[in-house]
Each structure stands twice: as C-alpha cells, then as structure tokens.
C-alpha cells in the first residue's frame, strides 16, 4: 500500500534542508523555519495544537511555535522527518489519514514560493486520495458560498456545493483543487468559470482553516 504521507514528509524535509531556514513559503510571513516549527507543534504539542484551528488558543499556540522555531534548524527538520509514534496524528494507524493532505499542502507551500516552479506529475493513487479529501474540503469551505458551484476534477469526479444563485465552475487536477480550497488560490492552477464578480470573490475568499 503506498504511503503518500511518508513520501510527502520526506520530500518536504529534503527541501527544507536544501533551502535552509530563511527561505520564503506561500504562507504569508512564514519562512521555512516557521513552517517546520508549525509542523512540530501540530504533531508534538497537543497542549498547543488546538490553537491552529481555535481562535481562543491561537495566542498561546503562536508563543509555543515561536519558542520551537528558535531551536537549531537542522534539528527541527530532523524531528519533522521522524514523527513520534505516540502522536495521535502520526502513529501508524492515523498517519495516512491525518497527514497526506497536510504534508502535500506544505510541501507545495515551499515549492511554489520559489520562482520557476512547475506542478508535479503526481501518481494517480495520490491524486485519487487528494480528490477524496478535496470533496470533503469543498463541502466544508464552500457550503455557504453565495453561488451554485460545480467543482470538477477531470477523470476523478465532480460535486456541487454552495448556497445557490450565480453558477460557477471550479476545474483543476485534484492537487490543484486541494491547494485552491485550502486558501492558496493564488498559486493553484485551477480555473474558475462564470460571472466575473462571484468568480473574483471565490478567487479571493478566505478559504483556509
């Protein structure tokens, strides 16, 4: 069985080491050091990981992340590469479910912050996994979007979301849709078809979690 979470983690760790601690990422204001620290907090600091999603805990989580980021960079990357087996997010039972999309997105966060990047030729199996998770992501991110939106990944599937009204179509490969729907519209090679105003609203919407 392919281990896409593992391969994306390894590729990201390799790239983090290659670029060093001060390279930019797609995440505004974050360097590669900041991104590595975020991943460590997510997996290794359950006391702070909730702040990634819950606003009341965000200040505490950010303080923890900054302290983690202050450590030696090579050590941070080594810890990203070797997740703890005790973590509810990275043990053998949960790794693929919890980390395939996470590490795919963050790998692309680093890749696509560099000039001259090109989309990768992803394995069909990984694309199928990304489409399955993207369908859920679309339902969460766009359930209240004020348009009738058809999301299509040619060769993998389609789904309708939104509250209705103007008709829009969002088309792309599964990986590109994953990036678009996680708030990375500006670096996702996905096409939005439809009326200009709602299409622009979709391109600039705050879709991240």
N, C-alpha and C. Protein backbone atom coordinates (compact mmCIF):
# COMPACT_ATOMS: atom_id res chain seq x y z
N UNK A 1 0.85 -1.19 0.00
CA UNK A 1 0.00 0.00 0.00
C UNK A 1 0.89 1.24 0.00
N UNK A 2 0.68 2.17 -0.94
CA UNK A 2 1.51 3.38 -0.97
C UNK A 2 1.37 4.19 0.31
N UNK A 3 2.46 4.78 0.73
CA UNK A 3 2.46 5.62 1.92
C UNK A 3 2.73 7.05 1.47
N UNK A 4 1.69 7.72 1.04
CA UNK A 4 1.86 9.07 0.49
C UNK A 4 2.22 10.08 1.57
N UNK A 5 1.69 9.91 2.75
CA UNK A 5 2.05 10.83 3.83
C UNK A 5 3.55 10.76 4.10
N UNK A 6 4.08 9.55 4.10
CA UNK A 6 5.52 9.37 4.35
C UNK A 6 6.35 9.98 3.23
N UNK A 7 5.97 9.75 1.99
CA UNK A 7 6.76 10.27 0.88
C UNK A 7 6.70 11.79 0.80
N UNK A 8 5.53 12.38 1.07
CA UNK A 8 5.44 13.84 1.07
C UNK A 8 6.24 14.44 2.22
N UNK A 9 6.22 13.78 3.37
CA UNK A 9 7.01 14.24 4.52
C UNK A 9 8.50 14.22 4.19
N UNK A 10 8.96 13.13 3.62
CA UNK A 10 10.38 13.01 3.28
C UNK A 10 10.80 14.07 2.25
N UNK A 11 9.96 14.25 1.23
CA UNK A 11 10.28 15.24 0.20
C UNK A 11 10.31 16.64 0.77
N UNK A 12 9.38 16.95 1.65
CA UNK A 12 9.37 18.27 2.29
C UNK A 12 10.60 18.46 3.16
N UNK A 13 10.95 17.45 3.95
CA UNK A 13 12.13 17.57 4.81
C UNK A 13 13.39 17.78 3.97
N UNK A 14 13.52 17.05 2.88
CA UNK A 14 14.67 17.23 1.99
C UNK A 14 14.73 18.67 1.47
N UNK A 15 13.58 19.20 1.07
CA UNK A 15 13.55 20.55 0.52
C UNK A 15 13.84 21.60 1.59
N UNK A 16 13.33 21.38 2.80
CA UNK A 16 13.62 22.30 3.89
C UNK A 16 15.12 22.39 4.16
N UNK A 17 15.77 21.24 4.16
CA UNK A 17 17.22 21.24 4.37
C UNK A 17 17.95 21.90 3.21
N UNK A 18 17.52 21.63 2.00
CA UNK A 18 18.17 22.20 0.82
C UNK A 18 18.09 23.72 0.83
N UNK A 19 16.96 24.27 1.21
CA UNK A 19 16.74 25.71 1.12
C UNK A 19 17.22 26.48 2.34
N UNK A 20 17.32 25.81 3.48
CA UNK A 20 17.76 26.50 4.68
C UNK A 20 16.61 27.16 5.42
N UNK A 21 16.89 27.79 6.57
CA UNK A 21 15.83 28.26 7.47
C UNK A 21 15.12 29.54 7.05
N UNK A 22 15.67 30.29 6.11
CA UNK A 22 15.14 31.62 5.82
C UNK A 22 14.45 31.74 4.47
N UNK A 23 14.19 30.63 3.82
CA UNK A 23 13.51 30.67 2.53
C UNK A 23 12.04 31.01 2.72
N UNK A 24 11.43 31.69 1.75
CA UNK A 24 10.01 32.04 1.88
C UNK A 24 9.12 30.83 1.67
N UNK A 25 7.90 30.95 2.11
CA UNK A 25 6.87 29.96 1.85
C UNK A 25 5.64 30.69 1.33
N UNK A 26 4.67 29.94 0.85
CA UNK A 26 3.41 30.54 0.41
C UNK A 26 2.66 31.15 1.58
N UNK A 27 2.87 30.64 2.79
CA UNK A 27 2.21 31.16 3.98
C UNK A 27 2.77 32.54 4.31
N UNK A 28 1.94 33.56 4.20
CA UNK A 28 2.41 34.94 4.35
C UNK A 28 3.11 35.15 5.69
N UNK A 29 4.35 35.66 5.61
CA UNK A 29 5.11 35.97 6.81
C UNK A 29 5.89 34.80 7.39
N UNK A 30 5.72 33.62 6.83
CA UNK A 30 6.41 32.44 7.36
C UNK A 30 7.58 32.06 6.47
N UNK A 31 8.70 31.79 7.12
CA UNK A 31 9.85 31.20 6.44
C UNK A 31 9.79 29.68 6.59
N UNK A 32 10.76 29.02 5.99
CA UNK A 32 10.85 27.57 6.14
C UNK A 32 11.02 27.17 7.61
N UNK A 33 11.74 27.97 8.38
CA UNK A 33 11.88 27.69 9.82
C UNK A 33 10.51 27.74 10.50
N UNK A 34 9.72 28.75 10.18
CA UNK A 34 8.39 28.88 10.79
C UNK A 34 7.51 27.69 10.44
N UNK A 35 7.57 27.26 9.19
CA UNK A 35 6.75 26.13 8.76
C UNK A 35 7.16 24.85 9.47
N UNK A 36 8.46 24.61 9.60
CA UNK A 36 8.93 23.42 10.32
C UNK A 36 8.42 23.43 11.76
N UNK A 37 8.48 24.60 12.40
CA UNK A 37 8.01 24.71 13.78
C UNK A 37 6.51 24.43 13.87
N UNK A 38 5.75 24.94 12.93
CA UNK A 38 4.31 24.68 12.90
C UNK A 38 4.03 23.17 12.86
N UNK A 39 4.75 22.45 12.02
CA UNK A 39 4.53 21.01 11.91
C UNK A 39 4.88 20.29 13.20
N UNK A 40 5.91 20.74 13.87
CA UNK A 40 6.29 20.12 15.13
C UNK A 40 5.24 20.38 16.22
N UNK A 41 4.74 21.59 16.28
CA UNK A 41 3.70 21.89 17.27
C UNK A 41 2.46 21.05 16.99
N UNK A 42 2.09 20.95 15.75
CA UNK A 42 0.90 20.18 15.37
C UNK A 42 1.01 18.73 15.83
N UNK A 43 2.18 18.10 15.68
CA UNK A 43 2.32 16.69 16.00
C UNK A 43 2.76 16.42 17.43
N UNK A 44 3.53 17.32 18.00
CA UNK A 44 4.20 17.01 19.27
C UNK A 44 3.74 17.82 20.47
N UNK A 45 2.90 18.82 20.25
CA UNK A 45 2.45 19.66 21.37
C UNK A 45 0.93 19.72 21.40
N UNK A 46 0.30 18.65 21.89
CA UNK A 46 -1.17 18.64 21.93
C UNK A 46 -1.75 19.77 22.76
N UNK A 47 -0.96 20.32 23.71
CA UNK A 47 -1.44 21.44 24.51
C UNK A 47 -1.60 22.70 23.68
N UNK A 48 -0.86 22.79 22.57
CA UNK A 48 -0.89 23.99 21.74
C UNK A 48 -1.50 23.75 20.37
N UNK A 49 -1.58 22.51 19.93
CA UNK A 49 -2.03 22.23 18.56
C UNK A 49 -3.44 22.73 18.30
N UNK A 50 -4.29 22.75 19.33
CA UNK A 50 -5.65 23.24 19.15
C UNK A 50 -5.72 24.67 18.67
N UNK A 51 -4.69 25.44 19.00
CA UNK A 51 -4.67 26.84 18.58
C UNK A 51 -4.51 27.04 17.09
N UNK A 52 -4.16 25.98 16.37
CA UNK A 52 -4.08 26.08 14.91
C UNK A 52 -5.46 26.34 14.32
N UNK A 53 -6.50 25.79 14.99
CA UNK A 53 -7.86 25.93 14.48
C UNK A 53 -8.76 26.78 15.36
N UNK A 54 -8.46 26.87 16.66
CA UNK A 54 -9.37 27.53 17.60
C UNK A 54 -8.83 28.90 18.00
N UNK A 55 -9.50 29.97 17.61
CA UNK A 55 -9.01 31.33 17.89
C UNK A 55 -8.68 31.62 19.37
N UNK A 56 -9.47 31.13 20.35
CA UNK A 56 -9.13 31.44 21.74
C UNK A 56 -7.76 30.90 22.18
N UNK A 57 -7.28 29.86 21.51
CA UNK A 57 -5.99 29.26 21.87
C UNK A 57 -4.85 29.73 20.97
N UNK A 58 -5.15 30.61 20.02
CA UNK A 58 -4.17 30.95 18.99
C UNK A 58 -2.95 31.67 19.56
N UNK A 59 -3.17 32.57 20.50
CA UNK A 59 -2.04 33.32 21.04
C UNK A 59 -1.07 32.39 21.77
N UNK A 60 -1.60 31.48 22.55
CA UNK A 60 -0.74 30.52 23.26
C UNK A 60 0.00 29.63 22.26
N UNK A 61 -0.73 29.14 21.26
CA UNK A 61 -0.11 28.26 20.26
C UNK A 61 1.00 28.98 19.51
N UNK A 62 0.80 30.25 19.19
CA UNK A 62 1.81 31.00 18.46
C UNK A 62 3.06 31.21 19.33
N UNK A 63 2.86 31.42 20.63
CA UNK A 63 4.01 31.53 21.52
C UNK A 63 4.82 30.25 21.57
N UNK A 64 4.13 29.12 21.63
CA UNK A 64 4.81 27.83 21.62
C UNK A 64 5.56 27.64 20.31
N UNK A 65 4.90 27.97 19.20
CA UNK A 65 5.54 27.79 17.89
C UNK A 65 6.81 28.63 17.77
N UNK A 66 6.76 29.84 18.26
CA UNK A 66 7.94 30.71 18.19
C UNK A 66 9.10 30.16 19.02
N UNK A 67 8.78 29.60 20.18
CA UNK A 67 9.84 29.00 21.01
C UNK A 67 10.43 27.77 20.33
N UNK A 68 9.57 26.95 19.73
CA UNK A 68 10.07 25.78 18.99
C UNK A 68 10.95 26.23 17.83
N UNK A 69 10.54 27.28 17.12
CA UNK A 69 11.28 27.75 15.96
C UNK A 69 12.66 28.26 16.30
N UNK A 70 12.88 28.62 17.55
CA UNK A 70 14.18 29.16 17.95
C UNK A 70 15.25 28.08 18.06
N UNK A 71 14.89 26.82 17.98
CA UNK A 71 15.87 25.75 18.08
C UNK A 71 16.73 25.62 16.84
N UNK A 72 17.79 24.81 16.91
CA UNK A 72 18.65 24.61 15.74
C UNK A 72 17.84 24.07 14.56
N UNK A 73 18.01 24.69 13.41
CA UNK A 73 17.16 24.38 12.26
C UNK A 73 17.31 22.93 11.81
N UNK A 74 18.52 22.44 11.72
CA UNK A 74 18.72 21.06 11.27
C UNK A 74 18.01 20.08 12.20
N UNK A 75 17.99 20.41 13.48
CA UNK A 75 17.30 19.55 14.45
C UNK A 75 15.78 19.61 14.24
N UNK A 76 15.26 20.80 13.95
CA UNK A 76 13.83 20.93 13.68
C UNK A 76 13.43 20.04 12.50
N UNK A 77 14.21 20.12 11.43
CA UNK A 77 13.88 19.34 10.23
C UNK A 77 13.99 17.85 10.51
N UNK A 78 14.99 17.45 11.28
CA UNK A 78 15.15 16.04 11.62
C UNK A 78 13.95 15.53 12.40
N UNK A 79 13.39 16.37 13.26
CA UNK A 79 12.21 15.97 14.04
C UNK A 79 10.96 15.93 13.16
N UNK A 80 10.88 16.84 12.19
CA UNK A 80 9.77 16.77 11.23
C UNK A 80 9.84 15.45 10.46
N UNK A 81 11.05 15.06 10.09
CA UNK A 81 11.23 13.84 9.30
C UNK A 81 10.88 12.58 10.09
N UNK A 82 11.07 12.60 11.40
CA UNK A 82 10.85 11.42 12.23
C UNK A 82 9.73 11.70 13.22
N UNK A 83 8.49 11.51 12.85
CA UNK A 83 7.37 11.83 13.74
C UNK A 83 7.29 10.86 14.91
N UNK A 84 6.76 11.31 16.03
CA UNK A 84 6.64 10.43 17.19
C UNK A 84 5.51 9.42 17.01
N UNK A 85 5.76 8.19 17.40
CA UNK A 85 4.74 7.15 17.28
C UNK A 85 3.58 7.37 18.24
N UNK A 86 3.82 8.13 19.34
CA UNK A 86 2.75 8.34 20.30
C UNK A 86 1.75 9.40 19.87
N UNK A 87 2.09 10.18 18.85
CA UNK A 87 1.21 11.28 18.45
C UNK A 87 -0.09 10.74 17.83
N UNK A 88 -1.23 11.31 18.21
CA UNK A 88 -2.49 10.87 17.59
C UNK A 88 -2.55 11.20 16.10
N UNK A 89 -1.64 12.06 15.62
CA UNK A 89 -1.65 12.43 14.21
C UNK A 89 -0.66 11.65 13.36
N UNK A 90 0.30 10.99 13.98
CA UNK A 90 1.36 10.39 13.15
C UNK A 90 1.68 8.95 13.50
N UNK A 91 0.83 8.30 14.28
CA UNK A 91 1.08 6.89 14.54
C UNK A 91 0.68 6.07 13.31
N UNK A 92 1.09 4.82 13.23
CA UNK A 92 0.82 4.03 12.01
C UNK A 92 -0.64 3.90 11.64
N UNK A 93 -1.54 4.03 12.60
CA UNK A 93 -2.97 3.90 12.30
C UNK A 93 -3.57 5.17 11.71
N UNK A 94 -2.98 6.32 12.00
CA UNK A 94 -3.59 7.59 11.60
C UNK A 94 -2.77 8.37 10.58
N UNK A 95 -1.55 7.96 10.33
CA UNK A 95 -0.63 8.78 9.54
C UNK A 95 -1.19 9.14 8.17
N UNK A 96 -1.64 8.15 7.41
CA UNK A 96 -2.13 8.43 6.07
C UNK A 96 -3.35 9.34 6.09
N UNK A 97 -4.25 9.09 7.00
CA UNK A 97 -5.48 9.88 7.06
C UNK A 97 -5.20 11.32 7.49
N UNK A 98 -4.35 11.48 8.50
CA UNK A 98 -4.12 12.80 9.08
C UNK A 98 -3.08 13.63 8.35
N UNK A 99 -2.17 12.97 7.62
CA UNK A 99 -1.00 13.70 7.14
C UNK A 99 -0.80 13.76 5.63
N UNK A 100 -1.51 12.97 4.87
CA UNK A 100 -1.28 13.02 3.41
C UNK A 100 -1.55 14.41 2.86
N UNK A 101 -2.73 14.95 3.13
CA UNK A 101 -3.07 16.29 2.64
C UNK A 101 -2.21 17.35 3.31
N UNK A 102 -2.00 17.23 4.60
CA UNK A 102 -1.20 18.22 5.34
C UNK A 102 0.19 18.38 4.74
N UNK A 103 0.87 17.27 4.51
CA UNK A 103 2.24 17.36 4.01
C UNK A 103 2.28 17.65 2.52
N UNK A 104 1.29 17.23 1.78
CA UNK A 104 1.22 17.64 0.37
C UNK A 104 1.10 19.16 0.29
N UNK A 105 0.20 19.74 1.05
CA UNK A 105 -0.01 21.19 1.01
C UNK A 105 1.26 21.93 1.42
N UNK A 106 1.88 21.52 2.51
CA UNK A 106 3.05 22.26 2.99
C UNK A 106 4.28 22.03 2.12
N UNK A 107 4.36 20.86 1.49
CA UNK A 107 5.42 20.65 0.51
C UNK A 107 5.26 21.67 -0.62
N UNK A 108 4.02 21.84 -1.09
CA UNK A 108 3.77 22.81 -2.16
C UNK A 108 3.93 24.25 -1.66
N UNK A 109 3.67 24.49 -0.39
CA UNK A 109 3.89 25.83 0.17
C UNK A 109 5.34 26.27 -0.01
N UNK A 110 6.25 25.33 0.10
CA UNK A 110 7.67 25.65 -0.06
C UNK A 110 8.03 25.66 -1.55
N UNK A 111 7.60 24.66 -2.29
CA UNK A 111 7.92 24.60 -3.72
C UNK A 111 7.44 25.84 -4.47
N UNK A 112 6.20 26.25 -4.20
CA UNK A 112 5.58 27.29 -5.01
C UNK A 112 5.92 28.70 -4.56
N UNK A 113 6.70 28.82 -3.52
CA UNK A 113 7.21 30.14 -3.13
C UNK A 113 8.48 30.48 -3.89
N UNK A 114 8.99 29.55 -4.70
CA UNK A 114 10.21 29.77 -5.47
C UNK A 114 9.85 30.11 -6.91
N UNK A 115 10.67 30.94 -7.53
CA UNK A 115 10.40 31.28 -8.93
C UNK A 115 10.66 30.07 -9.82
N UNK A 116 9.90 29.98 -10.90
CA UNK A 116 10.11 28.92 -11.88
C UNK A 116 9.52 27.58 -11.51
N UNK A 117 8.68 27.52 -10.48
CA UNK A 117 8.11 26.23 -10.09
C UNK A 117 7.14 25.74 -11.17
N UNK A 118 6.98 24.44 -11.21
CA UNK A 118 6.01 23.80 -12.10
C UNK A 118 5.23 22.76 -11.30
N UNK A 119 3.97 22.52 -11.65
CA UNK A 119 3.24 21.46 -10.97
C UNK A 119 3.93 20.11 -11.14
N UNK A 120 3.87 19.29 -10.11
CA UNK A 120 4.45 17.95 -10.20
C UNK A 120 3.52 17.00 -10.95
N UNK A 121 4.08 15.98 -11.52
CA UNK A 121 3.31 14.89 -12.12
C UNK A 121 3.03 13.88 -11.01
N UNK A 122 1.88 14.01 -10.37
CA UNK A 122 1.58 13.20 -9.19
C UNK A 122 1.11 11.81 -9.58
N UNK A 123 1.43 10.79 -8.78
CA UNK A 123 0.90 9.44 -9.02
C UNK A 123 -0.63 9.45 -9.01
N UNK A 124 -1.21 8.61 -9.82
CA UNK A 124 -2.66 8.55 -9.89
C UNK A 124 -3.28 8.21 -8.54
N UNK A 125 -2.59 7.36 -7.78
CA UNK A 125 -3.11 6.98 -6.47
C UNK A 125 -3.16 8.17 -5.52
N UNK A 126 -2.12 9.01 -5.54
CA UNK A 126 -2.12 10.20 -4.69
C UNK A 126 -3.21 11.17 -5.15
N UNK A 127 -3.38 11.32 -6.44
CA UNK A 127 -4.43 12.21 -6.93
C UNK A 127 -5.81 11.73 -6.49
N UNK A 128 -6.02 10.42 -6.51
CA UNK A 128 -7.30 9.87 -6.07
C UNK A 128 -7.54 10.16 -4.59
N UNK A 129 -6.50 10.02 -3.78
CA UNK A 129 -6.62 10.34 -2.35
C UNK A 129 -6.92 11.82 -2.17
N UNK A 130 -6.21 12.67 -2.89
CA UNK A 130 -6.42 14.11 -2.77
C UNK A 130 -7.83 14.50 -3.20
N UNK A 131 -8.35 13.88 -4.26
CA UNK A 131 -9.70 14.20 -4.68
C UNK A 131 -10.72 13.81 -3.61
N UNK A 132 -10.53 12.65 -3.01
CA UNK A 132 -11.46 12.20 -1.97
C UNK A 132 -11.48 13.19 -0.81
N UNK A 133 -10.30 13.67 -0.39
CA UNK A 133 -10.24 14.62 0.71
C UNK A 133 -10.72 16.00 0.25
N UNK A 134 -10.46 16.34 -1.01
CA UNK A 134 -10.87 17.63 -1.53
C UNK A 134 -12.39 17.75 -1.57
N UNK A 135 -13.07 16.66 -1.87
CA UNK A 135 -14.53 16.69 -1.87
C UNK A 135 -15.05 17.10 -0.50
N UNK A 136 -14.45 16.56 0.55
CA UNK A 136 -14.84 16.95 1.91
C UNK A 136 -14.46 18.40 2.17
N UNK A 137 -13.27 18.79 1.74
CA UNK A 137 -12.81 20.16 1.93
C UNK A 137 -13.75 21.15 1.25
N UNK A 138 -14.18 20.82 0.04
CA UNK A 138 -15.09 21.70 -0.69
C UNK A 138 -16.41 21.86 0.05
N UNK A 139 -16.92 20.78 0.58
CA UNK A 139 -18.19 20.87 1.31
C UNK A 139 -18.06 21.72 2.57
N UNK A 140 -16.92 21.66 3.22
CA UNK A 140 -16.70 22.47 4.42
C UNK A 140 -16.44 23.94 4.07
N UNK A 141 -15.57 24.17 3.10
CA UNK A 141 -15.14 25.53 2.80
C UNK A 141 -16.18 26.33 2.03
N UNK A 142 -17.02 25.63 1.24
CA UNK A 142 -17.89 26.35 0.31
C UNK A 142 -19.37 26.12 0.57
N UNK A 143 -19.70 25.52 1.70
CA UNK A 143 -21.11 25.20 1.94
C UNK A 143 -21.98 26.45 2.00
N UNK A 144 -21.40 27.59 2.39
CA UNK A 144 -22.18 28.83 2.48
C UNK A 144 -21.79 29.84 1.40
N UNK A 145 -21.01 29.40 0.44
CA UNK A 145 -20.59 30.34 -0.60
C UNK A 145 -21.81 30.75 -1.42
N UNK A 146 -21.99 32.06 -1.66
CA UNK A 146 -23.21 32.53 -2.32
C UNK A 146 -23.21 32.34 -3.84
N UNK A 147 -23.15 31.12 -4.26
CA UNK A 147 -23.23 30.77 -5.68
C UNK A 147 -23.50 29.27 -5.77
N UNK A 148 -23.93 28.82 -6.93
CA UNK A 148 -24.07 27.39 -7.20
C UNK A 148 -22.78 26.95 -7.89
N UNK A 149 -21.94 26.27 -7.15
CA UNK A 149 -20.58 25.99 -7.60
C UNK A 149 -20.42 24.51 -7.93
N UNK A 150 -19.96 24.25 -9.14
CA UNK A 150 -19.63 22.88 -9.55
C UNK A 150 -18.11 22.72 -9.51
N UNK A 151 -17.63 21.80 -8.68
CA UNK A 151 -16.20 21.53 -8.55
C UNK A 151 -15.90 20.27 -9.35
N UNK A 152 -14.97 20.37 -10.29
CA UNK A 152 -14.67 19.25 -11.18
C UNK A 152 -13.18 18.94 -11.20
N UNK A 153 -12.87 17.66 -11.04
CA UNK A 153 -11.51 17.15 -11.24
C UNK A 153 -11.60 16.14 -12.37
N UNK A 154 -11.30 16.53 -13.60
CA UNK A 154 -11.48 15.64 -14.74
C UNK A 154 -10.79 14.29 -14.53
N UNK A 155 -11.56 13.23 -14.74
CA UNK A 155 -11.04 11.89 -14.55
C UNK A 155 -11.21 11.35 -13.15
N UNK A 156 -11.64 12.22 -12.21
CA UNK A 156 -11.77 11.77 -10.83
C UNK A 156 -13.17 11.98 -10.27
N UNK A 157 -13.83 13.06 -10.67
CA UNK A 157 -15.19 13.27 -10.18
C UNK A 157 -15.58 14.72 -10.16
N UNK A 158 -16.78 14.97 -9.68
CA UNK A 158 -17.29 16.32 -9.53
C UNK A 158 -18.30 16.36 -8.41
N UNK A 159 -18.56 17.55 -7.88
CA UNK A 159 -19.58 17.71 -6.86
C UNK A 159 -20.12 19.13 -6.91
N UNK A 160 -21.35 19.30 -6.45
CA UNK A 160 -21.99 20.60 -6.41
C UNK A 160 -22.04 21.08 -4.96
N UNK A 161 -21.66 22.34 -4.75
CA UNK A 161 -21.66 22.94 -3.43
C UNK A 161 -22.16 24.38 -3.54
N UNK A 162 -22.29 25.05 -2.41
CA UNK A 162 -22.71 26.45 -2.39
C UNK A 162 -24.19 26.59 -2.07
N UNK A 163 -24.60 27.86 -1.86
CA UNK A 163 -25.97 28.14 -1.45
C UNK A 163 -26.90 28.39 -2.63
N UNK A 164 -26.36 28.43 -3.82
CA UNK A 164 -27.20 28.69 -4.98
C UNK A 164 -27.05 30.12 -5.47
N UNK A 165 -27.65 30.40 -6.61
CA UNK A 165 -27.55 31.73 -7.21
C UNK A 165 -26.76 31.64 -8.50
N UNK A 166 -25.81 32.57 -8.67
CA UNK A 166 -24.95 32.55 -9.86
C UNK A 166 -24.25 31.20 -9.99
N UNK A 167 -24.09 30.74 -11.22
CA UNK A 167 -23.43 29.45 -11.45
C UNK A 167 -21.95 29.66 -11.73
N UNK A 168 -21.13 28.93 -10.99
CA UNK A 168 -19.68 28.95 -11.19
C UNK A 168 -19.19 27.53 -11.38
N UNK A 169 -18.04 27.41 -12.03
CA UNK A 169 -17.40 26.10 -12.17
C UNK A 169 -15.94 26.24 -11.80
N UNK A 170 -15.48 25.39 -10.90
CA UNK A 170 -14.07 25.35 -10.49
C UNK A 170 -13.49 24.04 -11.01
N UNK A 171 -12.46 24.13 -11.84
CA UNK A 171 -11.91 22.94 -12.52
C UNK A 171 -10.41 22.87 -12.29
N UNK A 172 -9.92 21.69 -11.97
CA UNK A 172 -8.49 21.50 -11.84
C UNK A 172 -8.16 20.07 -11.48
N UNK A 173 -6.88 19.74 -11.52
CA UNK A 173 -6.42 18.44 -11.03
C UNK A 173 -6.64 18.39 -9.53
N UNK A 174 -6.76 17.20 -8.95
CA UNK A 174 -7.05 17.10 -7.52
C UNK A 174 -6.08 17.88 -6.64
N UNK A 175 -4.78 17.82 -6.93
CA UNK A 175 -3.83 18.56 -6.11
C UNK A 175 -4.04 20.06 -6.20
N UNK A 176 -4.36 20.56 -7.38
CA UNK A 176 -4.60 21.99 -7.55
C UNK A 176 -5.86 22.42 -6.82
N UNK A 177 -6.89 21.59 -6.84
CA UNK A 177 -8.11 21.91 -6.10
C UNK A 177 -7.86 21.88 -4.60
N UNK A 178 -7.04 20.95 -4.14
CA UNK A 178 -6.69 20.90 -2.73
C UNK A 178 -6.05 22.21 -2.29
N UNK A 179 -5.12 22.70 -3.08
CA UNK A 179 -4.46 23.97 -2.75
C UNK A 179 -5.44 25.14 -2.82
N UNK A 180 -6.24 25.19 -3.86
CA UNK A 180 -7.21 26.27 -4.01
C UNK A 180 -8.15 26.33 -2.81
N UNK A 181 -8.68 25.18 -2.42
CA UNK A 181 -9.69 25.14 -1.37
C UNK A 181 -9.11 25.22 0.03
N UNK A 182 -7.79 25.19 0.15
CA UNK A 182 -7.16 25.40 1.45
C UNK A 182 -6.67 26.84 1.58
N UNK A 183 -7.13 27.72 0.68
CA UNK A 183 -6.80 29.13 0.79
C UNK A 183 -5.59 29.57 0.00
N UNK A 184 -5.12 28.73 -0.90
CA UNK A 184 -3.92 29.05 -1.68
C UNK A 184 -4.28 29.30 -3.14
N UNK A 185 -5.36 30.04 -3.34
CA UNK A 185 -5.86 30.26 -4.69
C UNK A 185 -4.81 30.87 -5.61
N UNK A 186 -3.99 31.76 -5.10
CA UNK A 186 -3.06 32.49 -5.98
C UNK A 186 -1.96 31.61 -6.56
N UNK A 187 -1.71 30.45 -5.96
CA UNK A 187 -0.67 29.56 -6.50
C UNK A 187 -1.25 28.26 -7.04
N UNK A 188 -2.57 28.14 -7.01
CA UNK A 188 -3.21 26.92 -7.51
C UNK A 188 -3.57 27.08 -8.98
N UNK A 189 -3.23 26.10 -9.78
CA UNK A 189 -3.57 26.15 -11.20
C UNK A 189 -4.93 25.50 -11.42
N UNK A 190 -5.92 26.23 -10.95
CA UNK A 190 -7.32 25.81 -11.11
C UNK A 190 -8.06 26.93 -11.81
N UNK A 191 -9.04 26.58 -12.60
CA UNK A 191 -9.77 27.54 -13.43
C UNK A 191 -11.14 27.78 -12.84
N UNK A 192 -11.53 29.06 -12.76
CA UNK A 192 -12.87 29.44 -12.32
C UNK A 192 -13.62 30.02 -13.51
N UNK A 193 -14.75 29.41 -13.85
CA UNK A 193 -15.59 29.87 -14.95
C UNK A 193 -16.90 30.39 -14.40
N UNK A 194 -17.37 31.50 -14.95
CA UNK A 194 -18.66 32.04 -14.54
C UNK A 194 -18.64 33.55 -14.53
N UNK A 195 -19.66 34.14 -13.96
CA UNK A 195 -19.79 35.59 -13.89
C UNK A 195 -18.60 36.20 -13.16
N UNK A 196 -18.18 37.37 -13.61
CA UNK A 196 -16.93 37.97 -13.13
C UNK A 196 -16.93 38.23 -11.63
N UNK A 197 -17.99 38.80 -11.08
CA UNK A 197 -17.99 39.21 -9.67
C UNK A 197 -17.91 38.00 -8.73
N UNK A 198 -18.80 37.01 -8.86
CA UNK A 198 -18.67 35.86 -7.95
C UNK A 198 -17.40 35.05 -8.19
N UNK A 199 -16.93 35.02 -9.45
CA UNK A 199 -15.68 34.30 -9.71
C UNK A 199 -14.52 34.96 -8.98
N UNK A 200 -14.47 36.29 -9.01
CA UNK A 200 -13.41 37.00 -8.30
C UNK A 200 -13.55 36.83 -6.80
N UNK A 201 -14.77 36.81 -6.32
CA UNK A 201 -14.99 36.58 -4.89
C UNK A 201 -14.44 35.22 -4.47
N UNK A 202 -14.65 34.22 -5.31
CA UNK A 202 -14.12 32.89 -5.00
C UNK A 202 -12.60 32.89 -5.02
N UNK A 203 -12.02 33.56 -5.99
CA UNK A 203 -10.55 33.60 -6.10
C UNK A 203 -9.90 34.29 -4.90
N UNK A 204 -10.61 35.18 -4.25
CA UNK A 204 -10.02 35.96 -3.14
C UNK A 204 -10.60 35.61 -1.78
N UNK A 205 -11.51 34.63 -1.73
CA UNK A 205 -12.17 34.27 -0.47
C UNK A 205 -11.15 33.69 0.52
N UNK A 206 -11.41 33.89 1.79
CA UNK A 206 -10.59 33.30 2.84
C UNK A 206 -11.09 31.87 3.07
N UNK A 207 -10.46 30.93 2.39
CA UNK A 207 -10.91 29.55 2.44
C UNK A 207 -10.09 28.69 3.39
N UNK A 208 -9.05 29.25 3.99
CA UNK A 208 -8.19 28.44 4.87
C UNK A 208 -8.87 28.12 6.18
N UNK A 209 -8.32 27.11 6.87
CA UNK A 209 -8.83 26.71 8.18
C UNK A 209 -7.79 27.03 9.23
